[in-house]
Amino acid sequence: MTTLTLIGKPDCHLCDVAHEIVEMVVAKVPRDILIEEVSILDDPALYELWWEKIPVVLIDGELHAHWRVSPERLRVALEAARPSAADSAVAS
């Protein structure tokens, strides 16, 4: 399973837009994708790393995008994400 992490904060317009794009793209990608949403306000370490770049999208822990999320680029990245062992077992 691929994990997509959306890092943002409440009352952030770009975060709301990123959330909508993530939901739209994930609904169309034929893979199991776990979406985790975290707020920089709940984690001082995340705040320190990302406060000036939110929203931030990580795919399996790796930076994919910040500030603006391109639907097409996100779709391509999710489709290309390396399948986990669980995904491979299900496909077999």
PDB file of N, CA and C in Angstrom:
ATOM      1  N   MET A   1       0.841  -1.182   0.000  1.00  0.00           N
ATOM      2  CA  MET A   1       0.000   0.000   0.000  1.00  0.00           C
ATOM      3  C   MET A   1       0.885   1.243   0.000  1.00  0.00           C
ATOM      4  N   THR A   2       0.509   2.192  -0.790  1.00  0.00           N
ATOM      5  CA  THR A   2       1.203   3.475  -0.856  1.00  0.00           C
ATOM      6  C   THR A   2       0.590   4.408   0.178  1.00  0.00           C
ATOM      7  N   THR A   3       1.447   5.155   0.869  1.00  0.00           N
ATOM      8  CA  THR A   3       0.972   6.130   1.849  1.00  0.00           C
ATOM      9  C   THR A   3       1.224   7.530   1.321  1.00  0.00           C
ATOM     10  N   LEU A   4       0.171   8.321   1.267  1.00  0.00           N
ATOM     11  CA  LEU A   4       0.268   9.719   0.891  1.00  0.00           C
ATOM     12  C   LEU A   4       0.002  10.534   2.151  1.00  0.00           C
ATOM     13  N   THR A   5       0.945  11.374   2.511  1.00  0.00           N
ATOM     14  CA  THR A   5       0.800  12.221   3.686  1.00  0.00           C
ATOM     15  C   THR A   5       0.621  13.660   3.222  1.00  0.00           C
ATOM     16  N   LEU A   6      -0.458  14.273   3.695  1.00  0.00           N
ATOM     17  CA  LEU A   6      -0.743  15.671   3.388  1.00  0.00           C
ATOM     18  C   LEU A   6      -0.515  16.465   4.671  1.00  0.00           C
ATOM     19  N   ILE A   7       0.482  17.332   4.635  1.00  0.00           N
ATOM     20  CA  ILE A   7       0.838  18.141   5.800  1.00  0.00           C
ATOM     21  C   ILE A   7       0.314  19.553   5.571  1.00  0.00           C
ATOM     22  N   GLY A   8      -0.442  20.044   6.512  1.00  0.00           N
ATOM     23  CA  GLY A   8      -1.002  21.384   6.390  1.00  0.00           C
ATOM     24  C   GLY A   8      -1.385  21.915   7.748  1.00  0.00           C
ATOM     25  N   LYS A   9      -2.400  22.770   7.756  1.00  0.00           N
ATOM     26  CA  LYS A   9      -2.952  23.296   9.001  1.00  0.00           C
ATOM     27  C   LYS A   9      -4.362  23.797   8.721  1.00  0.00           C
ATOM     28  N   PRO A  10      -5.167  23.942   9.771  1.00  0.00           N
ATOM     29  CA  PRO A  10      -6.526  24.454   9.588  1.00  0.00           C
ATOM     30  C   PRO A  10      -6.499  25.891   9.051  1.00  0.00           C
ATOM     31  N   ASP A  11      -7.553  26.254   8.373  1.00  0.00           N
ATOM     32  CA  ASP A  11      -7.719  27.612   7.837  1.00  0.00           C
ATOM     33  C   ASP A  11      -6.602  28.015   6.878  1.00  0.00           C
ATOM     34  N   CYS A  12      -6.168  27.078   6.073  1.00  0.00           N
ATOM     35  CA  CYS A  12      -5.123  27.311   5.067  1.00  0.00           C
ATOM     36  C   CYS A  12      -5.761  27.038   3.703  1.00  0.00           C
ATOM     37  N   HIS A  13      -5.958  28.086   2.921  1.00  0.00           N
ATOM     38  CA  HIS A  13      -6.635  27.937   1.632  1.00  0.00           C
ATOM     39  C   HIS A  13      -5.897  26.953   0.716  1.00  0.00           C
ATOM     40  N   LEU A  14      -4.591  27.081   0.599  1.00  0.00           N
ATOM     41  CA  LEU A  14      -3.842  26.165  -0.270  1.00  0.00           C
ATOM     42  C   LEU A  14      -3.942  24.722   0.237  1.00  0.00           C
ATOM     43  N   CYS A  15      -4.026  24.550   1.561  1.00  0.00           N
ATOM     44  CA  CYS A  15      -4.175  23.201   2.117  1.00  0.00           C
ATOM     45  C   CYS A  15      -5.527  22.610   1.726  1.00  0.00           C
ATOM     46  N   ASP A  16      -6.565  23.448   1.758  1.00  0.00           N
ATOM     47  CA  ASP A  16      -7.895  22.983   1.347  1.00  0.00           C
ATOM     48  C   ASP A  16      -7.895  22.573  -0.123  1.00  0.00           C
ATOM     49  N   VAL A  17      -7.250  23.356  -0.958  1.00  0.00           N
ATOM     50  CA  VAL A  17      -7.162  23.040  -2.389  1.00  0.00           C
ATOM     51  C   VAL A  17      -6.380  21.735  -2.572  1.00  0.00           C
ATOM     52  N   ALA A  18      -5.262  21.599  -1.870  1.00  0.00           N
ATOM     53  CA  ALA A  18      -4.452  20.375  -1.975  1.00  0.00           C
ATOM     54  C   ALA A  18      -5.265  19.157  -1.544  1.00  0.00           C
ATOM     55  N   HIS A  19      -6.037  19.294  -0.477  1.00  0.00           N
ATOM     56  CA  HIS A  19      -6.882  18.195   0.004  1.00  0.00           C
ATOM     57  C   HIS A  19      -7.858  17.748  -1.091  1.00  0.00           C
ATOM     58  N   GLU A  20      -8.503  18.712  -1.746  1.00  0.00           N
ATOM     59  CA  GLU A  20      -9.445  18.392  -2.814  1.00  0.00           C
ATOM     60  C   GLU A  20      -8.754  17.683  -3.973  1.00  0.00           C
ATOM     61  N   ILE A  21      -7.571  18.147  -4.343  1.00  0.00           N
ATOM     62  CA  ILE A  21      -6.825  17.520  -5.443  1.00  0.00           C
ATOM     63  C   ILE A  21      -6.428  16.102  -5.068  1.00  0.00           C
ATOM     64  N   VAL A  22      -5.932  15.918  -3.847  1.00  0.00           N
ATOM     65  CA  VAL A  22      -5.534  14.578  -3.395  1.00  0.00           C
ATOM     66  C   VAL A  22      -6.724  13.634  -3.445  1.00  0.00           C
ATOM     67  N   GLU A  23      -7.851  14.044  -2.899  1.00  0.00           N
ATOM     68  CA  GLU A  23      -9.043  13.188  -2.896  1.00  0.00           C
ATOM     69  C   GLU A  23      -9.467  12.821  -4.321  1.00  0.00           C
ATOM     70  N   MET A  24      -9.466  13.808  -5.213  1.00  0.00           N
ATOM     71  CA  MET A  24      -9.882  13.584  -6.595  1.00  0.00           C
ATOM     72  C   MET A  24      -8.937  12.598  -7.296  1.00  0.00           C
ATOM     73  N   VAL A  25      -7.638  12.798  -7.146  1.00  0.00           N
ATOM     74  CA  VAL A  25      -6.651  11.950  -7.833  1.00  0.00           C
ATOM     75  C   VAL A  25      -6.660  10.542  -7.260  1.00  0.00           C
ATOM     76  N   VAL A  26      -6.664  10.424  -5.938  1.00  0.00           N
ATOM     77  CA  VAL A  26      -6.633   9.095  -5.313  1.00  0.00           C
ATOM     78  C   VAL A  26      -7.856   8.277  -5.718  1.00  0.00           C
ATOM     79  N   ALA A  27      -8.994   8.919  -5.864  1.00  0.00           N
ATOM     80  CA  ALA A  27     -10.215   8.211  -6.269  1.00  0.00           C
ATOM     81  C   ALA A  27     -10.083   7.595  -7.659  1.00  0.00           C
ATOM     82  N   LYS A  28      -9.199   8.131  -8.476  1.00  0.00           N
ATOM     83  CA  LYS A  28      -9.049   7.656  -9.854  1.00  0.00           C
ATOM     84  C   LYS A  28      -7.859   6.718 -10.060  1.00  0.00           C
ATOM     85  N   VAL A  29      -7.015   6.567  -9.057  1.00  0.00           N
ATOM     86  CA  VAL A  29      -5.828   5.718  -9.187  1.00  0.00           C
ATOM     87  C   VAL A  29      -6.188   4.308  -8.727  1.00  0.00           C
ATOM     88  N   PRO A  30      -5.966   3.316  -9.573  1.00  0.00           N
ATOM     89  CA  PRO A  30      -6.365   1.942  -9.249  1.00  0.00           C
ATOM     90  C   PRO A  30      -5.363   1.224  -8.340  1.00  0.00           C
ATOM     91  N   ARG A  31      -5.076   1.813  -7.200  1.00  0.00           N
ATOM     92  CA  ARG A  31      -4.161   1.209  -6.214  1.00  0.00           C
ATOM     93  C   ARG A  31      -4.705   1.502  -4.835  1.00  0.00           C
ATOM     94  N   ASP A  32      -4.254   0.718  -3.870  1.00  0.00           N
ATOM     95  CA  ASP A  32      -4.594   1.024  -2.482  1.00  0.00           C
ATOM     96  C   ASP A  32      -3.666   2.125  -1.994  1.00  0.00           C
ATOM     97  N   ILE A  33      -4.264   3.243  -1.605  1.00  0.00           N
ATOM     98  CA  ILE A  33      -3.495   4.389  -1.138  1.00  0.00           C
ATOM     99  C   ILE A  33      -4.086   4.839   0.190  1.00  0.00           C
ATOM    100  N   LEU A  34      -3.251   4.886   1.193  1.00  0.00           N
ATOM    101  CA  LEU A  34      -3.643   5.373   2.506  1.00  0.00           C
ATOM    102  C   LEU A  34      -3.325   6.860   2.555  1.00  0.00           C
ATOM    103  N   ILE A  35      -4.322   7.667   2.870  1.00  0.00           N
ATOM    104  CA  ILE A  35      -4.122   9.109   2.992  1.00  0.00           C
ATOM    105  C   ILE A  35      -4.038   9.454   4.466  1.00  0.00           C
ATOM    106  N   GLU A  36      -2.935  10.069   4.843  1.00  0.00           N
ATOM    107  CA  GLU A  36      -2.767  10.568   6.208  1.00  0.00           C
ATOM    108  C   GLU A  36      -2.736  12.087   6.132  1.00  0.00           C
ATOM    109  N   GLU A  37      -3.539  12.749   6.940  1.00  0.00           N
ATOM    110  CA  GLU A  37      -3.501  14.202   7.004  1.00  0.00           C
ATOM    111  C   GLU A  37      -2.996  14.595   8.381  1.00  0.00           C
ATOM    112  N   VAL A  38      -1.968  15.432   8.407  1.00  0.00           N
ATOM    113  CA  VAL A  38      -1.397  15.882   9.671  1.00  0.00           C
ATOM    114  C   VAL A  38      -1.265  17.396   9.650  1.00  0.00           C
ATOM    115  N   SER A  39      -1.399  17.978  10.832  1.00  0.00           N
ATOM    116  CA  SER A  39      -1.302  19.427  10.977  1.00  0.00           C
ATOM    117  C   SER A  39       0.038  19.791  11.593  1.00  0.00           C
ATOM    118  N   ILE A  40       0.649  20.812  11.047  1.00  0.00           N
ATOM    119  CA  ILE A  40       1.909  21.295  11.625  1.00  0.00           C
ATOM    120  C   ILE A  40       1.676  21.886  13.014  1.00  0.00           C
ATOM    121  N   LEU A  41       0.433  22.211  13.336  1.00  0.00           N
ATOM    122  CA  LEU A  41       0.124  22.768  14.654  1.00  0.00           C
ATOM    123  C   LEU A  41       0.151  21.711  15.748  1.00  0.00           C
ATOM    124  N   ASP A  42       0.071  20.428  15.362  1.00  0.00           N
ATOM    125  CA  ASP A  42       0.058  19.330  16.326  1.00  0.00           C
ATOM    126  C   ASP A  42       1.432  18.720  16.559  1.00  0.00           C
ATOM    127  N   ASP A  43       2.423  19.140  15.789  1.00  0.00           N
ATOM    128  CA  ASP A  43       3.745  18.507  15.873  1.00  0.00           C
ATOM    129  C   ASP A  43       4.834  19.565  15.680  1.00  0.00           C
ATOM    130  N   PRO A  44       5.534  19.929  16.749  1.00  0.00           N
ATOM    131  CA  PRO A  44       6.574  20.961  16.645  1.00  0.00           C
ATOM    132  C   PRO A  44       7.656  20.644  15.611  1.00  0.00           C
ATOM    133  N   ALA A  45       7.991  19.369  15.453  1.00  0.00           N
ATOM    134  CA  ALA A  45       9.029  18.991  14.476  1.00  0.00           C
ATOM    135  C   ALA A  45       8.526  19.243  13.052  1.00  0.00           C
ATOM    136  N   LEU A  46       7.274  18.886  12.779  1.00  0.00           N
ATOM    137  CA  LEU A  46       6.699  19.161  11.455  1.00  0.00           C
ATOM    138  C   LEU A  46       6.608  20.661  11.219  1.00  0.00           C
ATOM    139  N   TYR A  47       6.229  21.388  12.248  1.00  0.00           N
ATOM    140  CA  TYR A  47       6.154  22.841  12.117  1.00  0.00           C
ATOM    141  C   TYR A  47       7.514  23.411  11.723  1.00  0.00           C
ATOM    142  N   GLU A  48       8.540  22.984  12.417  1.00  0.00           N
ATOM    143  CA  GLU A  48       9.898  23.472  12.146  1.00  0.00           C
ATOM    144  C   GLU A  48      10.333  23.161  10.705  1.00  0.00           C
ATOM    145  N   LEU A  49      10.005  21.968  10.236  1.00  0.00           N
ATOM    146  CA  LEU A  49      10.405  21.556   8.888  1.00  0.00           C
ATOM    147  C   LEU A  49       9.608  22.231   7.775  1.00  0.00           C
ATOM    148  N   TRP A  50       8.294  22.367   7.972  1.00  0.00           N
ATOM    149  CA  TRP A  50       7.425  22.681   6.849  1.00  0.00           C
ATOM    150  C   TRP A  50       6.606  23.954   6.963  1.00  0.00           C
ATOM    151  N   TRP A  51       6.675  24.731   8.016  1.00  0.00           N
ATOM    152  CA  TRP A  51       5.733  25.836   8.236  1.00  0.00           C
ATOM    153  C   TRP A  51       5.637  26.793   7.062  1.00  0.00           C
ATOM    154  N   GLU A  52       6.715  27.025   6.367  1.00  0.00           N
ATOM    155  CA  GLU A  52       6.653  27.986   5.270  1.00  0.00           C
ATOM    156  C   GLU A  52       6.396  27.341   3.906  1.00  0.00           C
ATOM    157  N   LYS A  53       6.177  26.035   3.890  1.00  0.00           N
ATOM    158  CA  LYS A  53       5.985  25.345   2.613  1.00  0.00           C
ATOM    159  C   LYS A  53       4.654  24.621   2.495  1.00  0.00           C
ATOM    160  N   ILE A  54       3.790  24.707   3.501  1.00  0.00           N
ATOM    161  CA  ILE A  54       2.529  23.972   3.437  1.00  0.00           C
ATOM    162  C   ILE A  54       1.630  24.521   2.344  1.00  0.00           C
ATOM    163  N   PRO A  55       0.821  23.660   1.762  1.00  0.00           N
ATOM    164  CA  PRO A  55       0.709  22.239   2.027  1.00  0.00           C
ATOM    165  C   PRO A  55       1.892  21.464   1.444  1.00  0.00           C
ATOM    166  N   VAL A  56       2.189  20.367   2.098  1.00  0.00           N
ATOM    167  CA  VAL A  56       3.267  19.483   1.668  1.00  0.00           C
ATOM    168  C   VAL A  56       2.663  18.106   1.425  1.00  0.00           C
ATOM    169  N   VAL A  57       3.058  17.472   0.326  1.00  0.00           N
ATOM    170  CA  VAL A  57       2.612  16.113   0.020  1.00  0.00           C
ATOM    171  C   VAL A  57       3.827  15.205   0.012  1.00  0.00           C
ATOM    172  N   LEU A  58       3.756  14.158   0.830  1.00  0.00           N
ATOM    173  CA  LEU A  58       4.785  13.120   0.845  1.00  0.00           C
ATOM    174  C   LEU A  58       4.162  11.843   0.289  1.00  0.00           C
ATOM    175  N   ILE A  59       4.916  11.123  -0.496  1.00  0.00           N
ATOM    176  CA  ILE A  59       4.490   9.811  -0.974  1.00  0.00           C
ATOM    177  C   ILE A  59       5.478   8.808  -0.410  1.00  0.00           C
ATOM    178  N   ASP A  60       4.965   7.910   0.419  1.00  0.00           N
ATOM    179  CA  ASP A  60       5.798   6.939   1.122  1.00  0.00           C
ATOM    180  C   ASP A  60       6.971   7.623   1.814  1.00  0.00           C
ATOM    181  N   GLY A  61       6.677   8.774   2.444  1.00  0.00           N
ATOM    182  CA  GLY A  61       7.673   9.481   3.233  1.00  0.00           C
ATOM    183  C   GLY A  61       8.614  10.381   2.453  1.00  0.00           C
ATOM    184  N   GLU A  62       8.500  10.373   1.128  1.00  0.00           N
ATOM    185  CA  GLU A  62       9.377  11.190   0.280  1.00  0.00           C
ATOM    186  C   GLU A  62       8.620  12.417  -0.215  1.00  0.00           C
ATOM    187  N   LEU A  63       9.296  13.563  -0.222  1.00  0.00           N
ATOM    188  CA  LEU A  63       8.669  14.795  -0.672  1.00  0.00           C
ATOM    189  C   LEU A  63       8.224  14.669  -2.122  1.00  0.00           C
ATOM    190  N   HIS A  64       6.961  14.963  -2.352  1.00  0.00           N
ATOM    191  CA  HIS A  64       6.427  14.998  -3.711  1.00  0.00           C
ATOM    192  C   HIS A  64       6.199  16.443  -4.149  1.00  0.00           C
ATOM    193  N   ALA A  65       5.569  17.244  -3.288  1.00  0.00           N
ATOM    194  CA  ALA A  65       5.240  18.619  -3.670  1.00  0.00           C
ATOM    195  C   ALA A  65       5.036  19.470  -2.430  1.00  0.00           C
ATOM    196  N   HIS A  66       5.188  20.769  -2.624  1.00  0.00           N
ATOM    197  CA  HIS A  66       4.787  21.718  -1.591  1.00  0.00           C
ATOM    198  C   HIS A  66       4.203  22.937  -2.267  1.00  0.00           C
ATOM    199  N   TRP A  67       3.458  23.721  -1.527  1.00  0.00           N
ATOM    200  CA  TRP A  67       2.708  24.895  -1.969  1.00  0.00           C
ATOM    201  C   TRP A  67       1.566  24.550  -2.899  1.00  0.00           C
ATOM    202  N   ARG A  68       1.850  24.070  -4.077  1.00  0.00           N
ATOM    203  CA  ARG A  68       0.792  23.750  -5.030  1.00  0.00           C
ATOM    204  C   ARG A  68       0.956  22.303  -5.502  1.00  0.00           C
ATOM    205  N   VAL A  69      -0.182  21.627  -5.649  1.00  0.00           N
ATOM    206  CA  VAL A  69      -0.180  20.219  -6.057  1.00  0.00           C
ATOM    207  C   VAL A  69      -0.778  20.128  -7.448  1.00  0.00           C
ATOM    208  N   SER A  70      -0.017  19.564  -8.374  1.00  0.00           N
ATOM    209  CA  SER A  70      -0.497  19.345  -9.733  1.00  0.00           C
ATOM    210  C   SER A  70      -1.222  18.003  -9.792  1.00  0.00           C
ATOM    211  N   PRO A  71      -2.499  17.999 -10.182  1.00  0.00           N
ATOM    212  CA  PRO A  71      -3.220  16.726 -10.262  1.00  0.00           C
ATOM    213  C   PRO A  71      -2.528  15.713 -11.175  1.00  0.00           C
ATOM    214  N   GLU A  72      -2.083  16.145 -12.339  1.00  0.00           N
ATOM    215  CA  GLU A  72      -1.463  15.216 -13.287  1.00  0.00           C
ATOM    216  C   GLU A  72      -0.145  14.661 -12.740  1.00  0.00           C
ATOM    217  N   ARG A  73       0.669  15.528 -12.182  1.00  0.00           N
ATOM    218  CA  ARG A  73       1.953  15.082 -11.624  1.00  0.00           C
ATOM    219  C   ARG A  73       1.724  14.119 -10.451  1.00  0.00           C
ATOM    220  N   LEU A  74       0.721  14.403  -9.617  1.00  0.00           N
ATOM    221  CA  LEU A  74       0.405  13.517  -8.498  1.00  0.00           C
ATOM    222  C   LEU A  74      -0.077  12.167  -9.006  1.00  0.00           C
ATOM    223  N   ARG A  75      -0.939  12.161 -10.009  1.00  0.00           N
ATOM    224  CA  ARG A  75      -1.437  10.895 -10.563  1.00  0.00           C
ATOM    225  C   ARG A  75      -0.292  10.041 -11.085  1.00  0.00           C
ATOM    226  N   VAL A  76       0.596  10.648 -11.844  1.00  0.00           N
ATOM    227  CA  VAL A  76       1.739   9.916 -12.401  1.00  0.00           C
ATOM    228  C   VAL A  76       2.608   9.352 -11.276  1.00  0.00           C
ATOM    229  N   ALA A  77       2.858  10.147 -10.251  1.00  0.00           N
ATOM    230  CA  ALA A  77       3.699   9.700  -9.140  1.00  0.00           C
ATOM    231  C   ALA A  77       3.046   8.552  -8.378  1.00  0.00           C
ATOM    232  N   LEU A  78       1.743   8.637  -8.151  1.00  0.00           N
ATOM    233  CA  LEU A  78       1.057   7.559  -7.434  1.00  0.00           C
ATOM    234  C   LEU A  78       1.012   6.281  -8.251  1.00  0.00           C
ATOM    235  N   GLU A  79       0.800   6.406  -9.543  1.00  0.00           N
ATOM    236  CA  GLU A  79       0.793   5.205 -10.385  1.00  0.00           C
ATOM    237  C   GLU A  79       2.175   4.571 -10.481  1.00  0.00           C
ATOM    238  N   ALA A  80       3.215   5.380 -10.359  1.00  0.00           N
ATOM    239  CA  ALA A  80       4.584   4.873 -10.459  1.00  0.00           C
ATOM    240  C   ALA A  80       5.157   4.433  -9.118  1.00  0.00           C
ATOM    241  N   ALA A  81       4.461   4.748  -8.020  1.00  0.00           N
ATOM    242  CA  ALA A  81       4.974   4.393  -6.693  1.00  0.00           C
ATOM    243  C   ALA A  81       5.206   2.894  -6.626  1.00  0.00           C
ATOM    244  N   ARG A  82       6.306   2.546  -6.039  1.00  0.00           N
ATOM    245  CA  ARG A  82       6.688   1.131  -5.948  1.00  0.00           C
ATOM    246  C   ARG A  82       5.651   0.395  -5.111  1.00  0.00           C
ATOM    247  N   PRO A  83       5.103  -0.678  -5.628  1.00  0.00           N
ATOM    248  CA  PRO A  83       4.132  -1.451  -4.855  1.00  0.00           C
ATOM    249  C   PRO A  83       4.799  -2.108  -3.650  1.00  0.00           C
ATOM    250  N   SER A  84       4.069  -2.152  -2.559  1.00  0.00           N
ATOM    251  CA  SER A  84       4.581  -2.833  -1.368  1.00  0.00           C
ATOM    252  C   SER A  84       4.410  -4.340  -1.544  1.00  0.00           C
ATOM    253  N   ALA A  85       4.959  -5.098  -0.623  1.00  0.00           N
ATOM    254  CA  ALA A  85       4.816  -6.555  -0.667  1.00  0.00           C
ATOM    255  C   ALA A  85       3.334  -6.943  -0.585  1.00  0.00           C
ATOM    256  N   ALA A  86       2.556  -6.204   0.203  1.00  0.00           N
ATOM    257  CA  ALA A  86       1.121  -6.499   0.339  1.00  0.00           C
ATOM    258  C   ALA A  86       0.406  -6.282  -0.992  1.00  0.00           C
ATOM    259  N   ASP A  87       0.753  -5.202  -1.713  1.00  0.00           N
ATOM    260  CA  ASP A  87       0.150  -4.955  -3.011  1.00  0.00           C
ATOM    261  C   ASP A  87       0.495  -6.098  -3.970  1.00  0.00           C
ATOM    262  N   SER A  88       1.735  -6.544  -3.946  1.00  0.00           N
ATOM    263  CA  SER A  88       2.170  -7.615  -4.835  1.00  0.00           C
ATOM    264  C   SER A  88       1.438  -8.908  -4.525  1.00  0.00           C
ATOM    265  N   ALA A  89       1.212  -9.191  -3.243  1.00  0.00           N
ATOM    266  CA  ALA A  89       0.526 -10.417  -2.848  1.00  0.00           C
ATOM    267  C   ALA A  89      -0.924 -10.394  -3.322  1.00  0.00           C
ATOM    268  N   VAL A  90      -1.558  -9.234  -3.250  1.00  0.00           N
ATOM    269  CA  VAL A  90      -2.946  -9.109  -3.686  1.00  0.00           C
ATOM    270  C   VAL A  90      -3.033  -9.283  -5.195  1.00  0.00           C
ATOM    271  N   ALA A  91      -2.050  -8.748  -5.926  1.00  0.00           N
ATOM    272  CA  ALA A  91      -2.055  -8.819  -7.395  1.00  0.00           C
ATOM    273  C   ALA A  91      -1.805 -10.230  -7.887  1.00  0.00           C
ATOM    274  N   SER A  92      -1.167 -11.060  -7.084  1.00  0.00           N
ATOM    275  CA  SER A  92      -0.812 -12.416  -7.520  1.00  0.00           C
ATOM    276  C   SER A  92      -2.006 -13.340  -7.543  1.00  0.00           C
TER     277      SER A  92
END
